[in-house]
Amino acid sequence: MKLGTVLSIQIAPNAIDKLTNLEQVEAVEGMGLAGDRYFNRTGTYSNKHDESREATFIESEALEALANDYHVVLNGPESRRNFTTRGVALNHLVGKEFQIGEVVFRGIRLCEPCTHLEEVSDKSVRKGLIHRGGLRAQILSLDGCASVMTLKAYSTS
């Protein structure tokens, strides 16, 4: 089992509002994170809802590399991802289950950067975040809270 850390949790009620930080969030299977734009079905891509839009993650190390390699500073909330992590390779969690607090997630696919992210952040981030823009995940727990705490990644195979 690989342990990482959740540094921050952030949600936004709709597609254009800035994300705000939370200490914890309610995760609802099949819906997403309570109060977030995809839970509310008011996100940019809500018309294409699938399980990969329930929660999104980004590595703080990727944001640091974006600043170092491309001179673009983007913080956790500006990344438009729900969870900012440290110490776990999110790309390796595609197809794997992992846990934050009492919530179990399954990594579905990479969360590649999009034009909406550039438009809302007003920063040229796509080139620097290709293949390190984070992870899209499905919520597997019935209901539960995820907090700023340890992330436990484990293989289901």
N, C-alpha and C. Protein backbone atom coordinates (compact mmCIF):
# COMPACT_ATOMS: atom_id res chain seq x y z
N MET A 1 0.85 -1.17 0.00
CA MET A 1 0.00 0.00 0.00
C MET A 1 0.89 1.24 0.00
N LYS A 2 0.59 2.17 -0.86
CA LYS A 2 1.31 3.45 -0.96
C LYS A 2 0.49 4.52 -0.30
N LEU A 3 1.09 5.26 0.61
CA LEU A 3 0.40 6.35 1.28
C LEU A 3 0.81 7.68 0.68
N GLY A 4 -0.15 8.54 0.50
CA GLY A 4 0.09 9.91 0.06
C GLY A 4 -0.70 10.82 0.98
N THR A 5 -0.74 12.08 0.64
CA THR A 5 -1.44 13.06 1.47
C THR A 5 -2.38 13.88 0.62
N VAL A 6 -3.58 14.12 1.13
CA VAL A 6 -4.49 15.08 0.51
C VAL A 6 -4.17 16.43 1.15
N LEU A 7 -3.66 17.35 0.33
CA LEU A 7 -3.28 18.68 0.83
C LEU A 7 -4.48 19.61 0.92
N SER A 8 -5.39 19.48 -0.07
CA SER A 8 -6.56 20.36 -0.06
C SER A 8 -7.70 19.72 -0.83
N ILE A 9 -8.90 20.17 -0.49
CA ILE A 9 -10.13 19.76 -1.16
C ILE A 9 -10.79 21.04 -1.63
N GLN A 10 -11.26 21.05 -2.87
CA GLN A 10 -11.91 22.24 -3.38
C GLN A 10 -13.10 21.88 -4.28
N ILE A 11 -14.15 22.69 -4.19
CA ILE A 11 -15.33 22.51 -5.03
C ILE A 11 -15.81 23.88 -5.52
N ALA A 12 -16.63 23.86 -6.56
CA ALA A 12 -17.28 25.07 -7.06
C ALA A 12 -18.72 24.70 -7.39
N PRO A 13 -19.66 25.59 -7.14
CA PRO A 13 -21.07 25.27 -7.38
C PRO A 13 -21.45 25.24 -8.86
N ASN A 14 -20.65 25.87 -9.72
CA ASN A 14 -20.95 25.85 -11.16
C ASN A 14 -19.68 25.95 -11.98
N ALA A 15 -19.83 25.97 -13.29
CA ALA A 15 -18.70 25.87 -14.20
C ALA A 15 -17.74 27.05 -14.17
N ILE A 16 -18.21 28.23 -13.81
CA ILE A 16 -17.33 29.39 -13.91
C ILE A 16 -16.88 29.95 -12.57
N ASP A 17 -17.52 29.58 -11.47
CA ASP A 17 -17.10 30.07 -10.16
C ASP A 17 -15.73 29.52 -9.79
N LYS A 18 -15.00 30.30 -9.00
CA LYS A 18 -13.73 29.82 -8.47
C LYS A 18 -14.00 28.70 -7.48
N LEU A 19 -13.06 27.77 -7.41
CA LEU A 19 -13.17 26.70 -6.44
C LEU A 19 -12.80 27.22 -5.06
N THR A 20 -13.51 26.75 -4.05
CA THR A 20 -13.21 27.14 -2.68
C THR A 20 -12.72 25.93 -1.90
N ASN A 21 -11.83 26.19 -0.95
CA ASN A 21 -11.24 25.12 -0.14
C ASN A 21 -12.17 24.68 0.96
N LEU A 22 -12.16 23.37 1.23
CA LEU A 22 -12.92 22.76 2.32
C LEU A 22 -11.98 21.88 3.14
N GLU A 23 -12.31 21.67 4.39
CA GLU A 23 -11.57 20.72 5.22
C GLU A 23 -12.05 19.29 4.96
N GLN A 24 -13.33 19.16 4.62
CA GLN A 24 -13.87 17.85 4.27
C GLN A 24 -15.06 18.05 3.34
N VAL A 25 -15.42 16.96 2.64
CA VAL A 25 -16.52 17.01 1.70
C VAL A 25 -17.27 15.69 1.74
N GLU A 26 -18.57 15.75 1.53
CA GLU A 26 -19.38 14.54 1.47
C GLU A 26 -19.30 13.97 0.06
N ALA A 27 -18.96 12.70 -0.05
CA ALA A 27 -18.88 12.01 -1.33
C ALA A 27 -20.09 11.09 -1.47
N VAL A 28 -20.79 11.18 -2.59
CA VAL A 28 -22.00 10.40 -2.80
C VAL A 28 -21.83 9.54 -4.05
N GLU A 29 -21.93 8.24 -3.87
CA GLU A 29 -21.77 7.31 -4.98
C GLU A 29 -22.74 7.64 -6.11
N GLY A 30 -22.22 7.68 -7.33
CA GLY A 30 -23.05 7.93 -8.50
C GLY A 30 -23.38 9.39 -8.74
N MET A 31 -23.00 10.25 -7.82
CA MET A 31 -23.32 11.68 -7.94
C MET A 31 -22.09 12.57 -7.95
N GLY A 32 -21.18 12.34 -7.02
CA GLY A 32 -20.00 13.18 -6.91
C GLY A 32 -19.85 13.76 -5.52
N LEU A 33 -19.24 14.94 -5.45
CA LEU A 33 -18.96 15.61 -4.19
C LEU A 33 -20.05 16.64 -3.92
N ALA A 34 -20.70 16.53 -2.77
CA ALA A 34 -21.82 17.42 -2.44
C ALA A 34 -21.42 18.88 -2.58
N GLY A 35 -22.23 19.62 -3.33
CA GLY A 35 -21.98 21.04 -3.53
C GLY A 35 -21.13 21.37 -4.74
N ASP A 36 -20.50 20.36 -5.34
CA ASP A 36 -19.64 20.62 -6.50
C ASP A 36 -20.47 20.72 -7.78
N ARG A 37 -19.91 21.35 -8.78
CA ARG A 37 -20.61 21.60 -10.05
C ARG A 37 -21.07 20.32 -10.74
N TYR A 38 -20.33 19.24 -10.64
CA TYR A 38 -20.77 18.01 -11.31
C TYR A 38 -21.80 17.26 -10.48
N PHE A 39 -21.78 17.41 -9.18
CA PHE A 39 -22.85 16.90 -8.32
C PHE A 39 -24.14 17.65 -8.63
N ASN A 40 -24.02 18.97 -8.79
CA ASN A 40 -25.18 19.83 -9.08
C ASN A 40 -25.61 19.78 -10.54
N ARG A 41 -24.79 19.13 -11.38
CA ARG A 41 -25.02 19.05 -12.83
C ARG A 41 -24.99 20.44 -13.48
N THR A 42 -24.07 21.29 -12.99
CA THR A 42 -23.90 22.63 -13.54
C THR A 42 -22.47 22.85 -14.02
N GLY A 43 -21.71 21.77 -14.21
CA GLY A 43 -20.34 21.86 -14.70
C GLY A 43 -20.30 22.01 -16.21
N THR A 44 -19.15 22.37 -16.70
CA THR A 44 -18.96 22.57 -18.14
C THR A 44 -19.37 21.34 -18.95
N TYR A 45 -19.04 20.16 -18.44
CA TYR A 45 -19.32 18.93 -19.18
C TYR A 45 -20.43 18.10 -18.53
N SER A 46 -21.32 18.73 -17.79
CA SER A 46 -22.39 17.99 -17.11
C SER A 46 -23.32 17.26 -18.07
N ASN A 47 -23.45 17.75 -19.29
CA ASN A 47 -24.30 17.06 -20.27
C ASN A 47 -23.70 15.72 -20.70
N LYS A 48 -22.44 15.46 -20.33
CA LYS A 48 -21.77 14.19 -20.66
C LYS A 48 -21.46 13.43 -19.37
N HIS A 49 -22.35 13.49 -18.39
CA HIS A 49 -22.03 12.89 -17.09
C HIS A 49 -21.72 11.40 -17.22
N ASP A 50 -20.64 11.03 -16.59
CA ASP A 50 -20.30 9.62 -16.40
C ASP A 50 -19.53 9.52 -15.09
N GLU A 51 -19.23 8.30 -14.69
CA GLU A 51 -18.60 8.10 -13.38
C GLU A 51 -17.25 8.78 -13.25
N SER A 52 -16.58 9.08 -14.35
CA SER A 52 -15.27 9.72 -14.27
C SER A 52 -15.35 11.18 -13.86
N ARG A 53 -16.53 11.74 -13.79
CA ARG A 53 -16.68 13.15 -13.39
C ARG A 53 -17.07 13.31 -11.92
N GLU A 54 -17.08 12.23 -11.17
CA GLU A 54 -17.50 12.30 -9.77
C GLU A 54 -16.47 12.98 -8.87
N ALA A 55 -15.18 12.81 -9.15
CA ALA A 55 -14.12 13.46 -8.37
C ALA A 55 -12.87 13.56 -9.24
N THR A 56 -12.13 14.64 -9.06
CA THR A 56 -10.89 14.84 -9.81
C THR A 56 -9.75 15.15 -8.86
N PHE A 57 -8.55 14.76 -9.26
CA PHE A 57 -7.36 14.87 -8.42
C PHE A 57 -6.21 15.45 -9.23
N ILE A 58 -5.31 16.17 -8.57
CA ILE A 58 -4.07 16.63 -9.19
C ILE A 58 -2.95 16.55 -8.17
N GLU A 59 -1.76 16.21 -8.63
CA GLU A 59 -0.58 16.14 -7.76
C GLU A 59 -0.01 17.53 -7.56
N SER A 60 0.32 17.85 -6.33
CA SER A 60 1.00 19.13 -6.07
C SER A 60 2.35 19.15 -6.79
N GLU A 61 2.95 17.98 -6.96
CA GLU A 61 4.23 17.90 -7.67
C GLU A 61 4.08 18.32 -9.13
N ALA A 62 2.92 18.03 -9.74
CA ALA A 62 2.68 18.45 -11.12
C ALA A 62 2.54 19.97 -11.21
N LEU A 63 1.90 20.57 -10.21
CA LEU A 63 1.76 22.03 -10.18
C LEU A 63 3.13 22.69 -9.97
N GLU A 64 3.97 22.07 -9.14
CA GLU A 64 5.32 22.59 -8.93
C GLU A 64 6.15 22.47 -10.21
N ALA A 65 6.02 21.36 -10.94
CA ALA A 65 6.73 21.19 -12.21
C ALA A 65 6.25 22.19 -13.24
N LEU A 66 4.96 22.48 -13.25
CA LEU A 66 4.41 23.49 -14.17
C LEU A 66 5.08 24.84 -13.91
N ALA A 67 5.24 25.18 -12.65
CA ALA A 67 5.90 26.45 -12.30
C ALA A 67 7.38 26.43 -12.66
N ASN A 68 8.06 25.33 -12.35
CA ASN A 68 9.50 25.23 -12.62
C ASN A 68 9.83 25.13 -14.10
N ASP A 69 9.09 24.30 -14.83
CA ASP A 69 9.42 24.01 -16.23
C ASP A 69 8.82 25.02 -17.22
N TYR A 70 7.65 25.58 -16.88
CA TYR A 70 6.93 26.44 -17.82
C TYR A 70 6.68 27.85 -17.27
N HIS A 71 7.12 28.09 -16.04
CA HIS A 71 6.97 29.41 -15.41
C HIS A 71 5.51 29.85 -15.34
N VAL A 72 4.63 28.88 -15.09
CA VAL A 72 3.21 29.16 -14.91
C VAL A 72 2.82 28.70 -13.51
N VAL A 73 2.38 29.62 -12.69
CA VAL A 73 1.99 29.29 -11.32
C VAL A 73 0.48 29.06 -11.28
N LEU A 74 0.12 27.86 -10.83
CA LEU A 74 -1.29 27.46 -10.73
C LEU A 74 -1.44 26.77 -9.38
N ASN A 75 -2.36 27.24 -8.54
CA ASN A 75 -2.55 26.60 -7.24
C ASN A 75 -3.66 25.56 -7.32
N GLY A 76 -3.89 24.87 -6.23
CA GLY A 76 -4.90 23.80 -6.20
C GLY A 76 -6.27 24.23 -6.71
N PRO A 77 -6.87 25.27 -6.13
CA PRO A 77 -8.18 25.70 -6.62
C PRO A 77 -8.17 26.15 -8.08
N GLU A 78 -7.10 26.78 -8.53
CA GLU A 78 -7.02 27.22 -9.92
C GLU A 78 -6.93 26.03 -10.89
N SER A 79 -6.52 24.88 -10.40
CA SER A 79 -6.38 23.69 -11.25
C SER A 79 -7.73 23.12 -11.66
N ARG A 80 -8.82 23.55 -11.00
CA ARG A 80 -10.17 23.06 -11.26
C ARG A 80 -10.32 21.58 -10.88
N ARG A 81 -9.41 21.05 -10.08
CA ARG A 81 -9.50 19.67 -9.59
C ARG A 81 -10.00 19.70 -8.15
N ASN A 82 -10.70 18.65 -7.74
CA ASN A 82 -11.29 18.62 -6.40
C ASN A 82 -10.30 18.34 -5.28
N PHE A 83 -9.29 17.52 -5.56
CA PHE A 83 -8.32 17.15 -4.53
C PHE A 83 -6.92 17.46 -5.03
N THR A 84 -6.11 18.08 -4.18
CA THR A 84 -4.69 18.27 -4.46
C THR A 84 -3.93 17.33 -3.53
N THR A 85 -3.06 16.51 -4.12
CA THR A 85 -2.37 15.47 -3.36
C THR A 85 -0.86 15.67 -3.38
N ARG A 86 -0.19 14.93 -2.53
CA ARG A 86 1.27 14.89 -2.53
C ARG A 86 1.71 13.47 -2.19
N GLY A 87 2.74 13.00 -2.90
CA GLY A 87 3.36 11.73 -2.55
C GLY A 87 2.76 10.49 -3.16
N VAL A 88 1.85 10.64 -4.11
CA VAL A 88 1.30 9.46 -4.78
C VAL A 88 1.18 9.77 -6.28
N ALA A 89 1.64 8.83 -7.11
CA ALA A 89 1.59 9.00 -8.56
C ALA A 89 0.16 8.70 -9.04
N LEU A 90 -0.60 9.75 -9.30
CA LEU A 90 -2.01 9.57 -9.67
C LEU A 90 -2.18 8.81 -10.98
N ASN A 91 -1.28 8.99 -11.93
CA ASN A 91 -1.40 8.27 -13.21
C ASN A 91 -1.41 6.76 -12.99
N HIS A 92 -0.75 6.30 -11.94
CA HIS A 92 -0.69 4.87 -11.65
C HIS A 92 -1.98 4.34 -11.03
N LEU A 93 -2.90 5.24 -10.70
CA LEU A 93 -4.15 4.81 -10.06
C LEU A 93 -5.28 4.58 -11.07
N VAL A 94 -5.03 4.74 -12.34
CA VAL A 94 -6.05 4.40 -13.35
C VAL A 94 -6.32 2.90 -13.24
N GLY A 95 -7.60 2.56 -13.03
CA GLY A 95 -8.00 1.16 -12.88
C GLY A 95 -7.78 0.60 -11.48
N LYS A 96 -7.35 1.43 -10.55
CA LYS A 96 -7.07 1.00 -9.17
C LYS A 96 -8.03 1.67 -8.20
N GLU A 97 -8.20 1.04 -7.05
CA GLU A 97 -9.00 1.63 -5.98
C GLU A 97 -8.07 2.29 -4.98
N PHE A 98 -8.56 3.37 -4.37
CA PHE A 98 -7.82 4.07 -3.32
C PHE A 98 -8.82 4.70 -2.38
N GLN A 99 -8.34 5.10 -1.21
CA GLN A 99 -9.24 5.53 -0.16
C GLN A 99 -8.75 6.83 0.47
N ILE A 100 -9.71 7.72 0.76
CA ILE A 100 -9.46 8.93 1.54
C ILE A 100 -10.52 8.94 2.64
N GLY A 101 -10.07 8.88 3.87
CA GLY A 101 -11.03 8.78 4.98
C GLY A 101 -11.87 7.54 4.80
N GLU A 102 -13.18 7.70 4.84
CA GLU A 102 -14.07 6.54 4.69
C GLU A 102 -14.54 6.34 3.25
N VAL A 103 -14.01 7.12 2.32
CA VAL A 103 -14.47 7.08 0.93
C VAL A 103 -13.49 6.28 0.07
N VAL A 104 -14.04 5.33 -0.68
CA VAL A 104 -13.25 4.55 -1.63
C VAL A 104 -13.55 5.06 -3.03
N PHE A 105 -12.47 5.29 -3.80
CA PHE A 105 -12.56 5.77 -5.17
C PHE A 105 -11.93 4.74 -6.10
N ARG A 106 -12.29 4.81 -7.38
CA ARG A 106 -11.60 4.04 -8.42
C ARG A 106 -11.13 5.03 -9.47
N GLY A 107 -9.84 4.99 -9.78
CA GLY A 107 -9.30 5.83 -10.84
C GLY A 107 -9.84 5.36 -12.18
N ILE A 108 -10.45 6.26 -12.95
CA ILE A 108 -11.07 5.90 -14.23
C ILE A 108 -10.16 6.24 -15.40
N ARG A 109 -9.69 7.49 -15.45
CA ARG A 109 -8.83 7.91 -16.56
C ARG A 109 -8.09 9.17 -16.16
N LEU A 110 -7.07 9.50 -16.96
CA LEU A 110 -6.33 10.73 -16.71
C LEU A 110 -7.25 11.93 -16.93
N CYS A 111 -6.96 13.01 -16.24
CA CYS A 111 -7.73 14.25 -16.35
C CYS A 111 -6.86 15.25 -17.11
N GLU A 112 -6.86 15.10 -18.41
CA GLU A 112 -6.01 15.96 -19.25
C GLU A 112 -6.53 17.40 -19.21
N PRO A 113 -5.63 18.36 -19.33
CA PRO A 113 -6.05 19.77 -19.31
C PRO A 113 -6.87 20.12 -20.54
N CYS A 114 -7.79 21.07 -20.37
CA CYS A 114 -8.68 21.46 -21.47
C CYS A 114 -8.67 22.97 -21.66
N THR A 115 -9.30 23.41 -22.73
CA THR A 115 -9.35 24.85 -23.01
C THR A 115 -10.14 25.58 -21.93
N HIS A 116 -11.15 24.94 -21.35
CA HIS A 116 -11.93 25.59 -20.28
C HIS A 116 -11.02 25.97 -19.11
N LEU A 117 -10.09 25.07 -18.74
CA LEU A 117 -9.15 25.36 -17.67
C LEU A 117 -8.33 26.60 -17.99
N GLU A 118 -7.86 26.70 -19.23
CA GLU A 118 -7.09 27.88 -19.62
C GLU A 118 -7.94 29.14 -19.62
N GLU A 119 -9.17 29.03 -20.07
CA GLU A 119 -10.06 30.20 -20.11
C GLU A 119 -10.38 30.71 -18.71
N VAL A 120 -10.71 29.81 -17.79
CA VAL A 120 -11.11 30.21 -16.45
C VAL A 120 -9.90 30.69 -15.63
N SER A 121 -8.75 30.04 -15.80
CA SER A 121 -7.56 30.44 -15.04
C SER A 121 -6.83 31.60 -15.70
N ASP A 122 -7.10 31.83 -16.98
CA ASP A 122 -6.41 32.86 -17.77
C ASP A 122 -4.90 32.61 -17.78
N LYS A 123 -4.54 31.31 -17.85
CA LYS A 123 -3.13 30.90 -17.88
C LYS A 123 -2.94 29.82 -18.93
N SER A 124 -1.79 29.83 -19.59
CA SER A 124 -1.47 28.82 -20.60
C SER A 124 -0.90 27.59 -19.90
N VAL A 125 -1.78 26.66 -19.56
CA VAL A 125 -1.38 25.50 -18.76
C VAL A 125 -1.40 24.18 -19.51
N ARG A 126 -2.06 24.13 -20.64
CA ARG A 126 -2.27 22.83 -21.29
C ARG A 126 -0.96 22.12 -21.62
N LYS A 127 -0.03 22.80 -22.24
CA LYS A 127 1.23 22.15 -22.64
C LYS A 127 1.95 21.58 -21.42
N GLY A 128 1.98 22.32 -20.33
CA GLY A 128 2.70 21.89 -19.14
C GLY A 128 2.00 20.82 -18.32
N LEU A 129 0.72 20.59 -18.57
CA LEU A 129 -0.02 19.59 -17.79
C LEU A 129 -0.44 18.37 -18.61
N ILE A 130 0.00 18.29 -19.86
CA ILE A 130 -0.33 17.09 -20.65
C ILE A 130 0.25 15.86 -19.95
N HIS A 131 -0.56 14.87 -19.73
CA HIS A 131 -0.24 13.61 -19.06
C HIS A 131 0.12 13.78 -17.59
N ARG A 132 -0.05 14.97 -17.05
CA ARG A 132 0.13 15.17 -15.60
C ARG A 132 -0.91 16.16 -15.07
N GLY A 133 -2.05 16.19 -15.75
CA GLY A 133 -3.15 17.06 -15.35
C GLY A 133 -4.05 16.47 -14.29
N GLY A 134 -3.75 15.24 -13.86
CA GLY A 134 -4.51 14.65 -12.78
C GLY A 134 -5.26 13.39 -13.15
N LEU A 135 -6.23 13.06 -12.33
CA LEU A 135 -6.97 11.81 -12.41
C LEU A 135 -8.45 12.07 -12.23
N ARG A 136 -9.27 11.38 -13.03
CA ARG A 136 -10.72 11.39 -12.86
C ARG A 136 -11.07 10.09 -12.14
N ALA A 137 -11.98 10.19 -11.17
CA ALA A 137 -12.28 9.01 -10.36
C ALA A 137 -13.76 8.87 -10.09
N GLN A 138 -14.14 7.63 -9.87
CA GLN A 138 -15.51 7.25 -9.50
C GLN A 138 -15.56 7.02 -7.99
N ILE A 139 -16.66 7.40 -7.38
CA ILE A 139 -16.86 7.15 -5.95
C ILE A 139 -17.53 5.79 -5.80
N LEU A 140 -16.90 4.89 -5.03
CA LEU A 140 -17.42 3.54 -4.85
C LEU A 140 -18.17 3.36 -3.54
N SER A 141 -17.90 4.17 -2.54
CA SER A 141 -18.59 4.08 -1.25
C SER A 141 -20.02 4.54 -1.41
N LEU A 142 -20.91 4.02 -0.60
CA LEU A 142 -22.30 4.47 -0.66
C LEU A 142 -22.38 5.95 -0.33
N ASP A 143 -21.89 6.36 0.79
CA ASP A 143 -21.80 7.76 1.20
C ASP A 143 -20.67 7.83 2.22
N GLY A 144 -20.05 8.99 2.34
CA GLY A 144 -19.01 9.16 3.33
C GLY A 144 -18.34 10.50 3.17
N CYS A 145 -17.46 10.82 4.11
CA CYS A 145 -16.73 12.08 4.06
C CYS A 145 -15.27 11.83 3.76
N ALA A 146 -14.71 12.67 2.92
CA ALA A 146 -13.28 12.67 2.65
C ALA A 146 -12.73 13.95 3.25
N SER A 147 -11.60 13.82 3.94
CA SER A 147 -11.01 14.97 4.62
C SER A 147 -9.59 15.18 4.14
N VAL A 148 -9.04 16.34 4.50
CA VAL A 148 -7.63 16.60 4.25
C VAL A 148 -6.88 15.65 5.17
N MET A 149 -6.27 14.60 4.60
CA MET A 149 -5.64 13.56 5.40
C MET A 149 -4.85 12.63 4.50
N THR A 150 -4.57 11.45 4.99
CA THR A 150 -3.80 10.45 4.26
C THR A 150 -4.63 9.79 3.18
N LEU A 151 -4.05 9.65 2.00
CA LEU A 151 -4.63 8.93 0.89
C LEU A 151 -3.99 7.56 0.86
N LYS A 152 -4.77 6.50 0.83
CA LYS A 152 -4.26 5.13 0.80
C LYS A 152 -4.53 4.55 -0.58
N ALA A 153 -3.48 4.28 -1.31
CA ALA A 153 -3.62 3.67 -2.64
C ALA A 153 -3.26 2.21 -2.53
N TYR A 154 -4.10 1.35 -3.10
CA TYR A 154 -3.82 -0.06 -3.08
C TYR A 154 -4.33 -0.70 -4.35
N SER A 155 -3.72 -1.78 -4.71
CA SER A 155 -4.09 -2.47 -5.94
C SER A 155 -5.28 -3.37 -5.70
N THR A 156 -6.18 -3.43 -6.70
CA THR A 156 -7.33 -4.32 -6.59
C THR A 156 -7.10 -5.60 -7.36
N SER A 157 -5.93 -5.72 -7.97
CA SER A 157 -5.67 -6.93 -8.76
C SER A 157 -4.92 -7.95 -7.97
